[in-house]
Amino acid sequence: MTYKYFSGLKYTLANEDTALELALVKKFSPQVIVTVTGSGSRAIPLVVSHCKKLFCLDINQAQLFLCELRLRSYLDLTHEEFLGFWGYQAFNFRSELFKKLKLEH
């Protein structure tokens, strides 16, 4: 079955508050977390929960790739580079930063 609407990126940035998810993780300390990927903006903060496994699921492959890009940029770049890569501050070397990421896909 093909879902035409989900054939490309739909969410590249999210402004939702992750306070609810983080509060639940803090209260219950789950070892495994399963979440919808979306833009990755709500999923990635769950990395700080120290769970053993975090599964990000999405029907849209492009969203999974975006989440991987977001996570690898968080892990592989400095804080300043991360901010520049995602456009939070002026940075002229985004293509050089992209080469530093250890992407699987």
N, C-alpha and C. Protein backbone atom coordinates (compact mmCIF):
# COMPACT_ATOMS: atom_id res chain seq x y z
N MET A 1 0.84 -1.16 0.00
CA MET A 1 0.00 0.00 0.00
C MET A 1 0.90 1.24 0.00
N THR A 2 0.61 2.18 -0.86
CA THR A 2 1.38 3.41 -0.95
C THR A 2 0.56 4.57 -0.38
N TYR A 3 1.19 5.34 0.45
CA TYR A 3 0.56 6.52 1.02
C TYR A 3 1.19 7.74 0.38
N LYS A 4 0.51 8.33 -0.61
CA LYS A 4 1.08 9.43 -1.36
C LYS A 4 1.44 10.62 -0.47
N TYR A 5 0.59 10.92 0.51
CA TYR A 5 0.86 12.06 1.39
C TYR A 5 2.18 11.89 2.14
N PHE A 6 2.55 10.66 2.46
CA PHE A 6 3.74 10.39 3.25
C PHE A 6 4.96 10.09 2.40
N SER A 7 4.99 10.57 1.16
CA SER A 7 6.08 10.25 0.26
C SER A 7 7.29 11.18 0.39
N GLY A 8 7.19 12.23 1.17
CA GLY A 8 8.31 13.15 1.34
C GLY A 8 8.28 13.74 2.73
N LEU A 9 9.16 14.66 2.99
CA LEU A 9 9.21 15.29 4.30
C LEU A 9 7.94 16.10 4.55
N LYS A 10 7.34 15.92 5.71
CA LYS A 10 6.17 16.69 6.11
C LYS A 10 6.47 17.55 7.32
N TYR A 11 7.36 17.08 8.18
CA TYR A 11 7.70 17.81 9.39
C TYR A 11 9.22 17.90 9.47
N THR A 12 9.75 19.09 9.28
CA THR A 12 11.20 19.26 9.41
C THR A 12 11.55 19.96 10.71
N LEU A 13 10.57 20.56 11.32
CA LEU A 13 10.78 21.27 12.56
C LEU A 13 9.48 21.19 13.35
N ALA A 14 9.60 21.05 14.64
CA ALA A 14 8.40 21.00 15.47
C ALA A 14 8.57 21.96 16.63
N ASN A 15 7.48 22.50 17.08
CA ASN A 15 7.57 23.41 18.22
C ASN A 15 6.80 22.87 19.42
N GLU A 16 6.49 21.56 19.37
CA GLU A 16 5.79 20.97 20.50
C GLU A 16 6.70 20.91 21.73
N ASP A 17 6.08 20.93 22.86
CA ASP A 17 6.79 20.86 24.13
C ASP A 17 6.95 19.39 24.52
N THR A 18 8.14 18.96 24.83
CA THR A 18 8.39 17.56 25.21
C THR A 18 8.28 17.35 26.72
N ALA A 19 7.77 18.33 27.44
CA ALA A 19 7.70 18.23 28.90
C ALA A 19 6.91 17.00 29.35
N LEU A 20 5.81 16.68 28.68
CA LEU A 20 5.00 15.52 29.08
C LEU A 20 5.80 14.22 28.96
N GLU A 21 6.43 14.01 27.80
CA GLU A 21 7.20 12.79 27.60
C GLU A 21 8.34 12.69 28.62
N LEU A 22 9.05 13.79 28.83
CA LEU A 22 10.17 13.77 29.77
C LEU A 22 9.70 13.53 31.20
N ALA A 23 8.55 14.06 31.57
CA ALA A 23 8.00 13.83 32.91
C ALA A 23 7.63 12.35 33.08
N LEU A 24 7.03 11.75 32.07
CA LEU A 24 6.68 10.32 32.15
C LEU A 24 7.92 9.44 32.23
N VAL A 25 8.93 9.79 31.46
CA VAL A 25 10.19 9.03 31.49
C VAL A 25 10.84 9.15 32.86
N LYS A 26 10.84 10.35 33.41
CA LYS A 26 11.43 10.57 34.73
C LYS A 26 10.68 9.77 35.81
N LYS A 27 9.35 9.74 35.70
CA LYS A 27 8.54 9.06 36.71
C LYS A 27 8.67 7.54 36.63
N PHE A 28 8.67 6.98 35.41
CA PHE A 28 8.63 5.53 35.26
C PHE A 28 9.97 4.89 34.88
N SER A 29 10.95 5.65 34.47
CA SER A 29 12.28 5.15 34.08
C SER A 29 12.21 3.92 33.18
N PRO A 30 11.55 4.03 32.03
CA PRO A 30 11.45 2.85 31.15
C PRO A 30 12.81 2.47 30.57
N GLN A 31 13.00 1.20 30.32
CA GLN A 31 14.23 0.71 29.71
C GLN A 31 14.15 0.79 28.19
N VAL A 32 12.91 0.74 27.66
CA VAL A 32 12.67 0.80 26.22
C VAL A 32 11.59 1.85 25.96
N ILE A 33 11.84 2.73 24.99
CA ILE A 33 10.87 3.75 24.61
C ILE A 33 10.59 3.60 23.12
N VAL A 34 9.31 3.63 22.76
CA VAL A 34 8.88 3.61 21.36
C VAL A 34 8.11 4.90 21.13
N THR A 35 8.50 5.64 20.09
CA THR A 35 7.86 6.92 19.81
C THR A 35 7.70 7.13 18.31
N VAL A 36 6.76 7.97 17.93
CA VAL A 36 6.61 8.37 16.53
C VAL A 36 7.73 9.36 16.22
N THR A 37 8.36 9.19 15.09
CA THR A 37 9.52 10.01 14.73
C THR A 37 9.16 11.45 14.45
N GLY A 38 8.19 11.68 13.56
CA GLY A 38 7.87 13.05 13.16
C GLY A 38 9.12 13.75 12.66
N SER A 39 9.40 14.92 13.15
CA SER A 39 10.61 15.65 12.75
C SER A 39 11.83 15.23 13.57
N GLY A 40 11.59 14.43 14.60
CA GLY A 40 12.67 14.05 15.50
C GLY A 40 12.81 15.00 16.67
N SER A 41 12.15 16.15 16.58
CA SER A 41 12.28 17.16 17.62
C SER A 41 11.68 16.73 18.96
N ARG A 42 10.70 15.84 18.93
CA ARG A 42 10.14 15.32 20.18
C ARG A 42 10.82 14.02 20.59
N ALA A 43 11.34 13.29 19.63
CA ALA A 43 11.97 12.00 19.92
C ALA A 43 13.38 12.16 20.49
N ILE A 44 14.17 13.01 19.88
CA ILE A 44 15.57 13.17 20.26
C ILE A 44 15.77 13.54 21.73
N PRO A 45 14.96 14.44 22.31
CA PRO A 45 15.15 14.75 23.73
C PRO A 45 15.03 13.53 24.65
N LEU A 46 14.38 12.48 24.19
CA LEU A 46 14.24 11.28 25.01
C LEU A 46 15.57 10.54 25.18
N VAL A 47 16.56 10.91 24.38
CA VAL A 47 17.90 10.31 24.51
C VAL A 47 18.47 10.57 25.90
N VAL A 48 18.13 11.71 26.49
CA VAL A 48 18.66 12.04 27.82
C VAL A 48 18.08 11.17 28.92
N SER A 49 17.10 10.35 28.59
CA SER A 49 16.43 9.53 29.60
C SER A 49 17.28 8.35 30.07
N HIS A 50 18.34 8.05 29.37
CA HIS A 50 19.22 6.93 29.70
C HIS A 50 18.51 5.59 29.61
N CYS A 51 17.49 5.52 28.75
CA CYS A 51 16.85 4.22 28.51
C CYS A 51 17.84 3.37 27.70
N LYS A 52 17.64 2.08 27.72
CA LYS A 52 18.56 1.19 27.00
C LYS A 52 18.31 1.22 25.50
N LYS A 53 17.03 1.39 25.11
CA LYS A 53 16.70 1.42 23.68
C LYS A 53 15.62 2.46 23.42
N LEU A 54 15.82 3.20 22.35
CA LEU A 54 14.84 4.19 21.89
C LEU A 54 14.51 3.85 20.44
N PHE A 55 13.25 3.49 20.19
CA PHE A 55 12.80 3.15 18.84
C PHE A 55 11.96 4.30 18.30
N CYS A 56 12.38 4.83 17.17
CA CYS A 56 11.64 5.90 16.50
C CYS A 56 10.97 5.29 15.27
N LEU A 57 9.64 5.31 15.25
CA LEU A 57 8.88 4.70 14.16
C LEU A 57 8.14 5.77 13.38
N ASP A 58 8.06 5.57 12.07
CA ASP A 58 7.30 6.48 11.24
C ASP A 58 6.99 5.78 9.93
N ILE A 59 5.82 6.02 9.39
CA ILE A 59 5.43 5.44 8.11
C ILE A 59 6.21 6.08 6.97
N ASN A 60 6.77 7.25 7.21
CA ASN A 60 7.47 8.03 6.20
C ASN A 60 8.98 7.89 6.36
N GLN A 61 9.62 7.24 5.40
CA GLN A 61 11.07 7.00 5.44
C GLN A 61 11.85 8.31 5.50
N ALA A 62 11.39 9.34 4.82
CA ALA A 62 12.10 10.62 4.84
C ALA A 62 12.18 11.19 6.26
N GLN A 63 11.12 11.01 7.05
CA GLN A 63 11.13 11.49 8.43
C GLN A 63 12.16 10.72 9.27
N LEU A 64 12.30 9.43 9.00
CA LEU A 64 13.31 8.63 9.71
C LEU A 64 14.72 9.12 9.37
N PHE A 65 14.94 9.44 8.11
CA PHE A 65 16.25 9.96 7.70
C PHE A 65 16.53 11.31 8.36
N LEU A 66 15.52 12.16 8.42
CA LEU A 66 15.67 13.47 9.07
C LEU A 66 16.00 13.30 10.55
N CYS A 67 15.35 12.36 11.20
CA CYS A 67 15.62 12.11 12.61
C CYS A 67 17.05 11.62 12.80
N GLU A 68 17.51 10.74 11.91
CA GLU A 68 18.89 10.28 11.99
C GLU A 68 19.85 11.45 11.81
N LEU A 69 19.56 12.32 10.85
CA LEU A 69 20.40 13.50 10.62
C LEU A 69 20.44 14.38 11.87
N ARG A 70 19.28 14.59 12.49
CA ARG A 70 19.20 15.40 13.71
C ARG A 70 20.02 14.76 14.84
N LEU A 71 19.87 13.46 15.02
CA LEU A 71 20.59 12.77 16.08
C LEU A 71 22.10 12.77 15.82
N ARG A 72 22.51 12.46 14.60
CA ARG A 72 23.95 12.42 14.30
C ARG A 72 24.57 13.82 14.43
N SER A 73 23.84 14.84 14.05
CA SER A 73 24.39 16.19 14.21
C SER A 73 24.55 16.53 15.68
N TYR A 74 23.63 16.06 16.51
CA TYR A 74 23.74 16.27 17.96
C TYR A 74 24.95 15.54 18.52
N LEU A 75 25.18 14.32 18.05
CA LEU A 75 26.28 13.50 18.58
C LEU A 75 27.64 13.86 18.00
N ASP A 76 27.68 14.26 16.73
CA ASP A 76 28.96 14.42 16.03
C ASP A 76 29.50 15.85 15.98
N LEU A 77 28.64 16.83 16.22
CA LEU A 77 29.07 18.23 16.10
C LEU A 77 29.18 18.89 17.47
N THR A 78 29.96 19.95 17.53
CA THR A 78 30.00 20.75 18.74
C THR A 78 28.67 21.50 18.87
N HIS A 79 28.43 22.09 20.02
CA HIS A 79 27.21 22.84 20.23
C HIS A 79 27.09 23.99 19.22
N GLU A 80 28.18 24.71 19.02
CA GLU A 80 28.18 25.82 18.07
C GLU A 80 27.92 25.32 16.65
N GLU A 81 28.56 24.22 16.27
CA GLU A 81 28.35 23.66 14.94
C GLU A 81 26.90 23.20 14.77
N PHE A 82 26.34 22.57 15.79
CA PHE A 82 24.95 22.11 15.75
C PHE A 82 24.02 23.29 15.48
N LEU A 83 24.21 24.37 16.23
CA LEU A 83 23.37 25.55 16.05
C LEU A 83 23.51 26.13 14.64
N GLY A 84 24.73 26.14 14.12
CA GLY A 84 24.95 26.64 12.77
C GLY A 84 24.36 25.72 11.72
N PHE A 85 24.51 24.42 11.91
CA PHE A 85 24.00 23.46 10.94
C PHE A 85 22.49 23.58 10.77
N TRP A 86 21.79 23.76 11.87
CA TRP A 86 20.33 23.83 11.82
C TRP A 86 19.80 25.25 11.65
N GLY A 87 20.69 26.22 11.44
CA GLY A 87 20.27 27.57 11.11
C GLY A 87 19.88 28.43 12.29
N TYR A 88 20.24 28.01 13.50
CA TYR A 88 19.91 28.82 14.67
C TYR A 88 20.86 30.01 14.81
N GLN A 89 21.97 29.96 14.13
CA GLN A 89 22.89 31.09 14.10
C GLN A 89 23.58 31.10 12.74
N ALA A 90 24.14 32.21 12.37
CA ALA A 90 24.80 32.32 11.07
C ALA A 90 26.00 31.39 11.03
N PHE A 91 26.08 30.60 9.97
CA PHE A 91 27.19 29.67 9.81
C PHE A 91 27.33 29.41 8.32
N ASN A 92 28.51 29.59 7.78
CA ASN A 92 28.70 29.49 6.34
C ASN A 92 29.28 28.16 5.87
N PHE A 93 29.47 27.21 6.77
CA PHE A 93 30.15 25.97 6.40
C PHE A 93 29.28 24.74 6.62
N ARG A 94 27.99 24.84 6.33
CA ARG A 94 27.06 23.73 6.56
C ARG A 94 27.49 22.48 5.80
N SER A 95 27.95 22.61 4.56
CA SER A 95 28.36 21.43 3.78
C SER A 95 29.56 20.75 4.42
N GLU A 96 30.47 21.51 5.02
CA GLU A 96 31.61 20.91 5.71
C GLU A 96 31.15 20.17 6.97
N LEU A 97 30.19 20.72 7.66
CA LEU A 97 29.65 20.05 8.85
C LEU A 97 28.94 18.76 8.46
N PHE A 98 28.23 18.78 7.36
CA PHE A 98 27.52 17.59 6.90
C PHE A 98 28.48 16.42 6.70
N LYS A 99 29.67 16.69 6.20
CA LYS A 99 30.67 15.66 5.96
C LYS A 99 31.17 15.02 7.26
N LYS A 100 31.02 15.71 8.39
CA LYS A 100 31.47 15.18 9.67
C LYS A 100 30.49 14.18 10.29
N LEU A 101 29.28 14.12 9.76
CA LEU A 101 28.24 13.27 10.36
C LEU A 101 28.43 11.82 9.94
N LYS A 102 28.23 10.91 10.87
CA LYS A 102 28.38 9.47 10.64
C LYS A 102 27.03 8.84 10.33
N LEU A 103 26.47 9.24 9.19
CA LEU A 103 25.13 8.77 8.80
C LEU A 103 25.18 7.34 8.26
N GLU A 104 24.17 6.56 8.59
CA GLU A 104 24.08 5.20 8.07
C GLU A 104 23.35 5.16 6.73
N HIS A 105 22.47 6.12 6.48
CA HIS A 105 21.64 6.08 5.27
C HIS A 105 21.93 7.26 4.37
